[in-house]
Amino acid sequence: MSKIIQEVSLEELISFIHKRNRKLQAVLLQKAEEFLGNSSPEYFELRKIILDETSGTFRSIVREIFGDVEMLV
């Protein structure tokens, strides 16, 4: 049996998850730049990995919870 604890707008929840994802990306990129500098080849490679993986994780989480929400929004 599932219980609804609090009604939440699908759009608000996706927006919240998206904002947290962007904040995580910013923190990770800031630390990478701090340690590697923003012009090193390693920084650019790490930046690509961080952005690709965190974005992919965000999409996977939303898809697992809600299905294909791109069709809904």
PDB file of N, CA and C in Angstrom:
ATOM      1  N   MET A   1       0.852  -1.160   0.000  1.00  0.00           N
ATOM      2  CA  MET A   1       0.000   0.000   0.000  1.00  0.00           C
ATOM      3  C   MET A   1       0.906   1.234   0.000  1.00  0.00           C
ATOM      4  N   SER A   2       0.619   2.173  -0.896  1.00  0.00           N
ATOM      5  CA  SER A   2       1.423   3.388  -0.927  1.00  0.00           C
ATOM      6  C   SER A   2       0.643   4.529  -0.295  1.00  0.00           C
ATOM      7  N   LYS A   3       1.361   5.351   0.424  1.00  0.00           N
ATOM      8  CA  LYS A   3       0.738   6.499   1.074  1.00  0.00           C
ATOM      9  C   LYS A   3       1.315   7.771   0.496  1.00  0.00           C
ATOM     10  N   ILE A   4       0.462   8.746   0.282  1.00  0.00           N
ATOM     11  CA  ILE A   4       0.917  10.054  -0.154  1.00  0.00           C
ATOM     12  C   ILE A   4       1.123  10.892   1.096  1.00  0.00           C
ATOM     13  N   ILE A   5       2.358  11.273   1.336  1.00  0.00           N
ATOM     14  CA  ILE A   5       2.676  12.063   2.517  1.00  0.00           C
ATOM     15  C   ILE A   5       2.360  13.526   2.262  1.00  0.00           C
ATOM     16  N   GLN A   6       2.749  14.006   1.097  1.00  0.00           N
ATOM     17  CA  GLN A   6       2.504  15.393   0.742  1.00  0.00           C
ATOM     18  C   GLN A   6       2.375  15.466  -0.772  1.00  0.00           C
ATOM     19  N   GLU A   7       1.392  16.187  -1.233  1.00  0.00           N
ATOM     20  CA  GLU A   7       1.246  16.349  -2.672  1.00  0.00           C
ATOM     21  C   GLU A   7       2.347  17.264  -3.175  1.00  0.00           C
ATOM     22  N   VAL A   8       2.976  16.845  -4.256  1.00  0.00           N
ATOM     23  CA  VAL A   8       4.056  17.620  -4.837  1.00  0.00           C
ATOM     24  C   VAL A   8       3.827  17.704  -6.336  1.00  0.00           C
ATOM     25  N   SER A   9       4.009  18.883  -6.863  1.00  0.00           N
ATOM     26  CA  SER A   9       3.891  19.078  -8.300  1.00  0.00           C
ATOM     27  C   SER A   9       5.045  18.377  -8.997  1.00  0.00           C
ATOM     28  N   LEU A  10       4.754  17.642 -10.035  1.00  0.00           N
ATOM     29  CA  LEU A  10       5.773  16.948 -10.818  1.00  0.00           C
ATOM     30  C   LEU A  10       6.785  17.960 -11.345  1.00  0.00           C
ATOM     31  N   GLU A  11       6.307  19.071 -11.841  1.00  0.00           N
ATOM     32  CA  GLU A  11       7.187  20.111 -12.373  1.00  0.00           C
ATOM     33  C   GLU A  11       8.101  20.683 -11.283  1.00  0.00           C
ATOM     34  N   GLU A  12       7.559  20.916 -10.088  1.00  0.00           N
ATOM     35  CA  GLU A  12       8.367  21.440  -8.981  1.00  0.00           C
ATOM     36  C   GLU A  12       9.433  20.437  -8.549  1.00  0.00           C
ATOM     37  N   LEU A  13       9.084  19.171  -8.502  1.00  0.00           N
ATOM     38  CA  LEU A  13      10.032  18.138  -8.087  1.00  0.00           C
ATOM     39  C   LEU A  13      11.165  18.000  -9.098  1.00  0.00           C
ATOM     40  N   ILE A  14      10.831  17.991 -10.369  1.00  0.00           N
ATOM     41  CA  ILE A  14      11.863  17.897 -11.404  1.00  0.00           C
ATOM     42  C   ILE A  14      12.754  19.129 -11.358  1.00  0.00           C
ATOM     43  N   SER A  15      12.154  20.294 -11.144  1.00  0.00           N
ATOM     44  CA  SER A  15      12.926  21.534 -11.040  1.00  0.00           C
ATOM     45  C   SER A  15      13.876  21.480  -9.849  1.00  0.00           C
ATOM     46  N   PHE A  16      13.422  20.959  -8.721  1.00  0.00           N
ATOM     47  CA  PHE A  16      14.260  20.841  -7.526  1.00  0.00           C
ATOM     48  C   PHE A  16      15.450  19.912  -7.789  1.00  0.00           C
ATOM     49  N   ILE A  17      15.172  18.757  -8.382  1.00  0.00           N
ATOM     50  CA  ILE A  17      16.237  17.798  -8.682  1.00  0.00           C
ATOM     51  C   ILE A  17      17.233  18.426  -9.662  1.00  0.00           C
ATOM     52  N   HIS A  18      16.726  19.141 -10.646  1.00  0.00           N
ATOM     53  CA  HIS A  18      17.585  19.794 -11.631  1.00  0.00           C
ATOM     54  C   HIS A  18      18.488  20.848 -10.973  1.00  0.00           C
ATOM     55  N   LYS A  19      17.935  21.641 -10.066  1.00  0.00           N
ATOM     56  CA  LYS A  19      18.731  22.657  -9.371  1.00  0.00           C
ATOM     57  C   LYS A  19      19.824  22.024  -8.523  1.00  0.00           C
ATOM     58  N   ARG A  20      19.496  20.933  -7.826  1.00  0.00           N
ATOM     59  CA  ARG A  20      20.505  20.247  -7.010  1.00  0.00           C
ATOM     60  C   ARG A  20      21.608  19.661  -7.899  1.00  0.00           C
ATOM     61  N   ASN A  21      21.228  19.153  -9.061  1.00  0.00           N
ATOM     62  CA  ASN A  21      22.200  18.620 -10.006  1.00  0.00           C
ATOM     63  C   ASN A  21      23.142  19.722 -10.477  1.00  0.00           C
ATOM     64  N   ARG A  22      22.597  20.876 -10.820  1.00  0.00           N
ATOM     65  CA  ARG A  22      23.414  22.007 -11.278  1.00  0.00           C
ATOM     66  C   ARG A  22      24.357  22.489 -10.168  1.00  0.00           C
ATOM     67  N   LYS A  23      23.869  22.491  -8.932  1.00  0.00           N
ATOM     68  CA  LYS A  23      24.717  22.910  -7.816  1.00  0.00           C
ATOM     69  C   LYS A  23      25.876  21.920  -7.639  1.00  0.00           C
ATOM     70  N   LEU A  24      25.586  20.628  -7.721  1.00  0.00           N
ATOM     71  CA  LEU A  24      26.629  19.603  -7.629  1.00  0.00           C
ATOM     72  C   LEU A  24      27.654  19.792  -8.742  1.00  0.00           C
ATOM     73  N   GLN A  25      27.190  20.014  -9.965  1.00  0.00           N
ATOM     74  CA  GLN A  25      28.103  20.237 -11.076  1.00  0.00           C
ATOM     75  C   GLN A  25      29.005  21.439 -10.799  1.00  0.00           C
ATOM     76  N   ALA A  26      28.425  22.533 -10.319  1.00  0.00           N
ATOM     77  CA  ALA A  26      29.193  23.750 -10.058  1.00  0.00           C
ATOM     78  C   ALA A  26      30.273  23.508  -9.005  1.00  0.00           C
ATOM     79  N   VAL A  27      29.915  22.812  -7.939  1.00  0.00           N
ATOM     80  CA  VAL A  27      30.884  22.538  -6.872  1.00  0.00           C
ATOM     81  C   VAL A  27      32.011  21.646  -7.388  1.00  0.00           C
ATOM     82  N   LEU A  28      31.674  20.593  -8.111  1.00  0.00           N
ATOM     83  CA  LEU A  28      32.691  19.686  -8.639  1.00  0.00           C
ATOM     84  C   LEU A  28      33.609  20.393  -9.629  1.00  0.00           C
ATOM     85  N   LEU A  29      33.035  21.216 -10.506  1.00  0.00           N
ATOM     86  CA  LEU A  29      33.849  21.933 -11.487  1.00  0.00           C
ATOM     87  C   LEU A  29      34.739  22.981 -10.820  1.00  0.00           C
ATOM     88  N   GLN A  30      34.214  23.625  -9.803  1.00  0.00           N
ATOM     89  CA  GLN A  30      35.004  24.622  -9.079  1.00  0.00           C
ATOM     90  C   GLN A  30      36.223  23.964  -8.421  1.00  0.00           C
ATOM     91  N   LYS A  31      36.015  22.818  -7.792  1.00  0.00           N
ATOM     92  CA  LYS A  31      37.126  22.105  -7.151  1.00  0.00           C
ATOM     93  C   LYS A  31      38.123  21.603  -8.190  1.00  0.00           C
ATOM     94  N   ALA A  32      37.629  21.090  -9.316  1.00  0.00           N
ATOM     95  CA  ALA A  32      38.521  20.621 -10.374  1.00  0.00           C
ATOM     96  C   ALA A  32      39.371  21.775 -10.897  1.00  0.00           C
ATOM     97  N   GLU A  33      38.743  22.933 -11.087  1.00  0.00           N
ATOM     98  CA  GLU A  33      39.485  24.104 -11.564  1.00  0.00           C
ATOM     99  C   GLU A  33      40.512  24.563 -10.533  1.00  0.00           C
ATOM    100  N   GLU A  34      40.133  24.477  -9.266  1.00  0.00           N
ATOM    101  CA  GLU A  34      41.036  24.864  -8.177  1.00  0.00           C
ATOM    102  C   GLU A  34      42.306  24.001  -8.177  1.00  0.00           C
ATOM    103  N   PHE A  35      42.145  22.704  -8.386  1.00  0.00           N
ATOM    104  CA  PHE A  35      43.280  21.788  -8.322  1.00  0.00           C
ATOM    105  C   PHE A  35      44.057  21.679  -9.637  1.00  0.00           C
ATOM    106  N   LEU A  36      43.346  21.790 -10.765  1.00  0.00           N
ATOM    107  CA  LEU A  36      43.989  21.544 -12.053  1.00  0.00           C
ATOM    108  C   LEU A  36      44.236  22.809 -12.871  1.00  0.00           C
ATOM    109  N   GLY A  37      43.571  23.896 -12.522  1.00  0.00           N
ATOM    110  CA  GLY A  37      43.619  25.091 -13.359  1.00  0.00           C
ATOM    111  C   GLY A  37      42.632  24.932 -14.498  1.00  0.00           C
ATOM    112  N   ASN A  38      42.127  26.039 -15.011  1.00  0.00           N
ATOM    113  CA  ASN A  38      41.068  25.922 -16.020  1.00  0.00           C
ATOM    114  C   ASN A  38      41.597  25.832 -17.451  1.00  0.00           C
ATOM    115  N   SER A  39      42.908  25.744 -17.621  1.00  0.00           N
ATOM    116  CA  SER A  39      43.434  25.641 -18.985  1.00  0.00           C
ATOM    117  C   SER A  39      44.174  24.331 -19.242  1.00  0.00           C
ATOM    118  N   SER A  40      44.210  23.463 -18.260  1.00  0.00           N
ATOM    119  CA  SER A  40      44.930  22.201 -18.454  1.00  0.00           C
ATOM    120  C   SER A  40      44.064  21.189 -19.217  1.00  0.00           C
ATOM    121  N   PRO A  41      44.693  20.319 -19.991  1.00  0.00           N
ATOM    122  CA  PRO A  41      43.937  19.275 -20.705  1.00  0.00           C
ATOM    123  C   PRO A  41      43.179  18.355 -19.743  1.00  0.00           C
ATOM    124  N   GLU A  42      43.759  18.106 -18.579  1.00  0.00           N
ATOM    125  CA  GLU A  42      43.098  17.248 -17.586  1.00  0.00           C
ATOM    126  C   GLU A  42      41.800  17.883 -17.097  1.00  0.00           C
ATOM    127  N   TYR A  43      41.822  19.208 -16.921  1.00  0.00           N
ATOM    128  CA  TYR A  43      40.605  19.910 -16.479  1.00  0.00           C
ATOM    129  C   TYR A  43      39.499  19.751 -17.509  1.00  0.00           C
ATOM    130  N   PHE A  44      39.829  19.937 -18.789  1.00  0.00           N
ATOM    131  CA  PHE A  44      38.809  19.830 -19.827  1.00  0.00           C
ATOM    132  C   PHE A  44      38.233  18.421 -19.911  1.00  0.00           C
ATOM    133  N   GLU A  45      39.079  17.419 -19.746  1.00  0.00           N
ATOM    134  CA  GLU A  45      38.599  16.034 -19.763  1.00  0.00           C
ATOM    135  C   GLU A  45      37.710  15.753 -18.555  1.00  0.00           C
ATOM    136  N   LEU A  46      38.162  16.188 -17.372  1.00  0.00           N
ATOM    137  CA  LEU A  46      37.376  15.987 -16.159  1.00  0.00           C
ATOM    138  C   LEU A  46      36.053  16.756 -16.224  1.00  0.00           C
ATOM    139  N   ARG A  47      36.084  17.966 -16.784  1.00  0.00           N
ATOM    140  CA  ARG A  47      34.872  18.774 -16.939  1.00  0.00           C
ATOM    141  C   ARG A  47      33.841  18.033 -17.795  1.00  0.00           C
ATOM    142  N   LYS A  48      34.301  17.462 -18.899  1.00  0.00           N
ATOM    143  CA  LYS A  48      33.395  16.718 -19.780  1.00  0.00           C
ATOM    144  C   LYS A  48      32.797  15.517 -19.053  1.00  0.00           C
ATOM    145  N   ILE A  49      33.628  14.801 -18.329  1.00  0.00           N
ATOM    146  CA  ILE A  49      33.140  13.630 -17.584  1.00  0.00           C
ATOM    147  C   ILE A  49      32.109  14.049 -16.536  1.00  0.00           C
ATOM    148  N   ILE A  50      32.411  15.098 -15.769  1.00  0.00           N
ATOM    149  CA  ILE A  50      31.488  15.569 -14.723  1.00  0.00           C
ATOM    150  C   ILE A  50      30.151  15.962 -15.325  1.00  0.00           C
ATOM    151  N   LEU A  51      30.172  16.780 -16.377  1.00  0.00           N
ATOM    152  CA  LEU A  51      28.922  17.245 -16.984  1.00  0.00           C
ATOM    153  C   LEU A  51      28.134  16.098 -17.609  1.00  0.00           C
ATOM    154  N   ASP A  52      28.816  15.209 -18.327  1.00  0.00           N
ATOM    155  CA  ASP A  52      28.123  14.079 -18.965  1.00  0.00           C
ATOM    156  C   ASP A  52      27.500  13.147 -17.935  1.00  0.00           C
ATOM    157  N   GLU A  53      28.287  12.793 -16.926  1.00  0.00           N
ATOM    158  CA  GLU A  53      27.808  11.805 -15.955  1.00  0.00           C
ATOM    159  C   GLU A  53      26.728  12.357 -15.025  1.00  0.00           C
ATOM    160  N   THR A  54      26.879  13.582 -14.560  1.00  0.00           N
ATOM    161  CA  THR A  54      25.851  14.125 -13.666  1.00  0.00           C
ATOM    162  C   THR A  54      24.554  14.385 -14.429  1.00  0.00           C
ATOM    163  N   SER A  55      24.660  14.834 -15.672  1.00  0.00           N
ATOM    164  CA  SER A  55      23.451  15.045 -16.482  1.00  0.00           C
ATOM    165  C   SER A  55      22.769  13.716 -16.788  1.00  0.00           C
ATOM    166  N   GLY A  56      23.564  12.710 -17.113  1.00  0.00           N
ATOM    167  CA  GLY A  56      23.005  11.388 -17.380  1.00  0.00           C
ATOM    168  C   GLY A  56      22.348  10.790 -16.151  1.00  0.00           C
ATOM    169  N   THR A  57      22.967  10.992 -15.001  1.00  0.00           N
ATOM    170  CA  THR A  57      22.387  10.491 -13.748  1.00  0.00           C
ATOM    171  C   THR A  57      21.070  11.185 -13.449  1.00  0.00           C
ATOM    172  N   PHE A  58      21.021  12.510 -13.641  1.00  0.00           N
ATOM    173  CA  PHE A  58      19.789  13.275 -13.436  1.00  0.00           C
ATOM    174  C   PHE A  58      18.669  12.722 -14.318  1.00  0.00           C
ATOM    175  N   ARG A  59      18.955  12.534 -15.598  1.00  0.00           N
ATOM    176  CA  ARG A  59      17.925  12.028 -16.514  1.00  0.00           C
ATOM    177  C   ARG A  59      17.483  10.622 -16.121  1.00  0.00           C
ATOM    178  N   SER A  60      18.417   9.788 -15.689  1.00  0.00           N
ATOM    179  CA  SER A  60      18.080   8.417 -15.298  1.00  0.00           C
ATOM    180  C   SER A  60      17.188   8.385 -14.062  1.00  0.00           C
ATOM    181  N   ILE A  61      17.506   9.224 -13.085  1.00  0.00           N
ATOM    182  CA  ILE A  61      16.695   9.278 -11.864  1.00  0.00           C
ATOM    183  C   ILE A  61      15.274   9.713 -12.186  1.00  0.00           C
ATOM    184  N   VAL A  62      15.149  10.772 -12.948  1.00  0.00           N
ATOM    185  CA  VAL A  62      13.819  11.274 -13.306  1.00  0.00           C
ATOM    186  C   VAL A  62      13.056  10.231 -14.118  1.00  0.00           C
ATOM    187  N   ARG A  63      13.724   9.570 -15.048  1.00  0.00           N
ATOM    188  CA  ARG A  63      13.081   8.554 -15.878  1.00  0.00           C
ATOM    189  C   ARG A  63      12.624   7.359 -15.041  1.00  0.00           C
ATOM    190  N   GLU A  64      13.448   6.931 -14.073  1.00  0.00           N
ATOM    191  CA  GLU A  64      13.089   5.798 -13.225  1.00  0.00           C
ATOM    192  C   GLU A  64      11.884   6.113 -12.331  1.00  0.00           C
ATOM    193  N   ILE A  65      11.831   7.332 -11.828  1.00  0.00           N
ATOM    194  CA  ILE A  65      10.742   7.699 -10.927  1.00  0.00           C
ATOM    195  C   ILE A  65       9.448   7.968 -11.686  1.00  0.00           C
ATOM    196  N   PHE A  66       9.548   8.705 -12.792  1.00  0.00           N
ATOM    197  CA  PHE A  66       8.344   9.211 -13.452  1.00  0.00           C
ATOM    198  C   PHE A  66       8.096   8.660 -14.842  1.00  0.00           C
ATOM    199  N   GLY A  67       9.010   7.890 -15.379  1.00  0.00           N
ATOM    200  CA  GLY A  67       8.866   7.456 -16.761  1.00  0.00           C
ATOM    201  C   GLY A  67       9.383   8.547 -17.675  1.00  0.00           C
ATOM    202  N   ASP A  68       8.892   8.575 -18.887  1.00  0.00           N
ATOM    203  CA  ASP A  68       9.354   9.548 -19.890  1.00  0.00           C
ATOM    204  C   ASP A  68       8.644  10.876 -19.678  1.00  0.00           C
ATOM    205  N   VAL A  69       9.167  11.705 -18.779  1.00  0.00           N
ATOM    206  CA  VAL A  69       8.521  12.968 -18.439  1.00  0.00           C
ATOM    207  C   VAL A  69       8.723  14.026 -19.500  1.00  0.00           C
ATOM    208  N   GLU A  70       9.663  13.821 -20.411  1.00  0.00           N
ATOM    209  CA  GLU A  70       9.840  14.790 -21.489  1.00  0.00           C
ATOM    210  C   GLU A  70       8.569  14.900 -22.307  1.00  0.00           C
ATOM    211  N   MET A  71       7.823  13.855 -22.360  1.00  0.00           N
ATOM    212  CA  MET A  71       6.546  13.876 -23.082  1.00  0.00           C
ATOM    213  C   MET A  71       5.485  14.626 -22.267  1.00  0.00           C
ATOM    214  N   LEU A  72       5.644  14.671 -20.935  1.00  0.00           N
ATOM    215  CA  LEU A  72       4.649  15.304 -20.069  1.00  0.00           C
ATOM    216  C   LEU A  72       4.886  16.796 -19.900  1.00  0.00           C
ATOM    217  N   VAL A  73       6.143  17.204 -19.927  1.00  0.00           N
ATOM    218  CA  VAL A  73       6.480  18.601 -19.634  1.00  0.00           C
ATOM    219  C   VAL A  73       6.560  19.403 -20.908  1.00  0.00           C
TER     220      VAL A  73
END
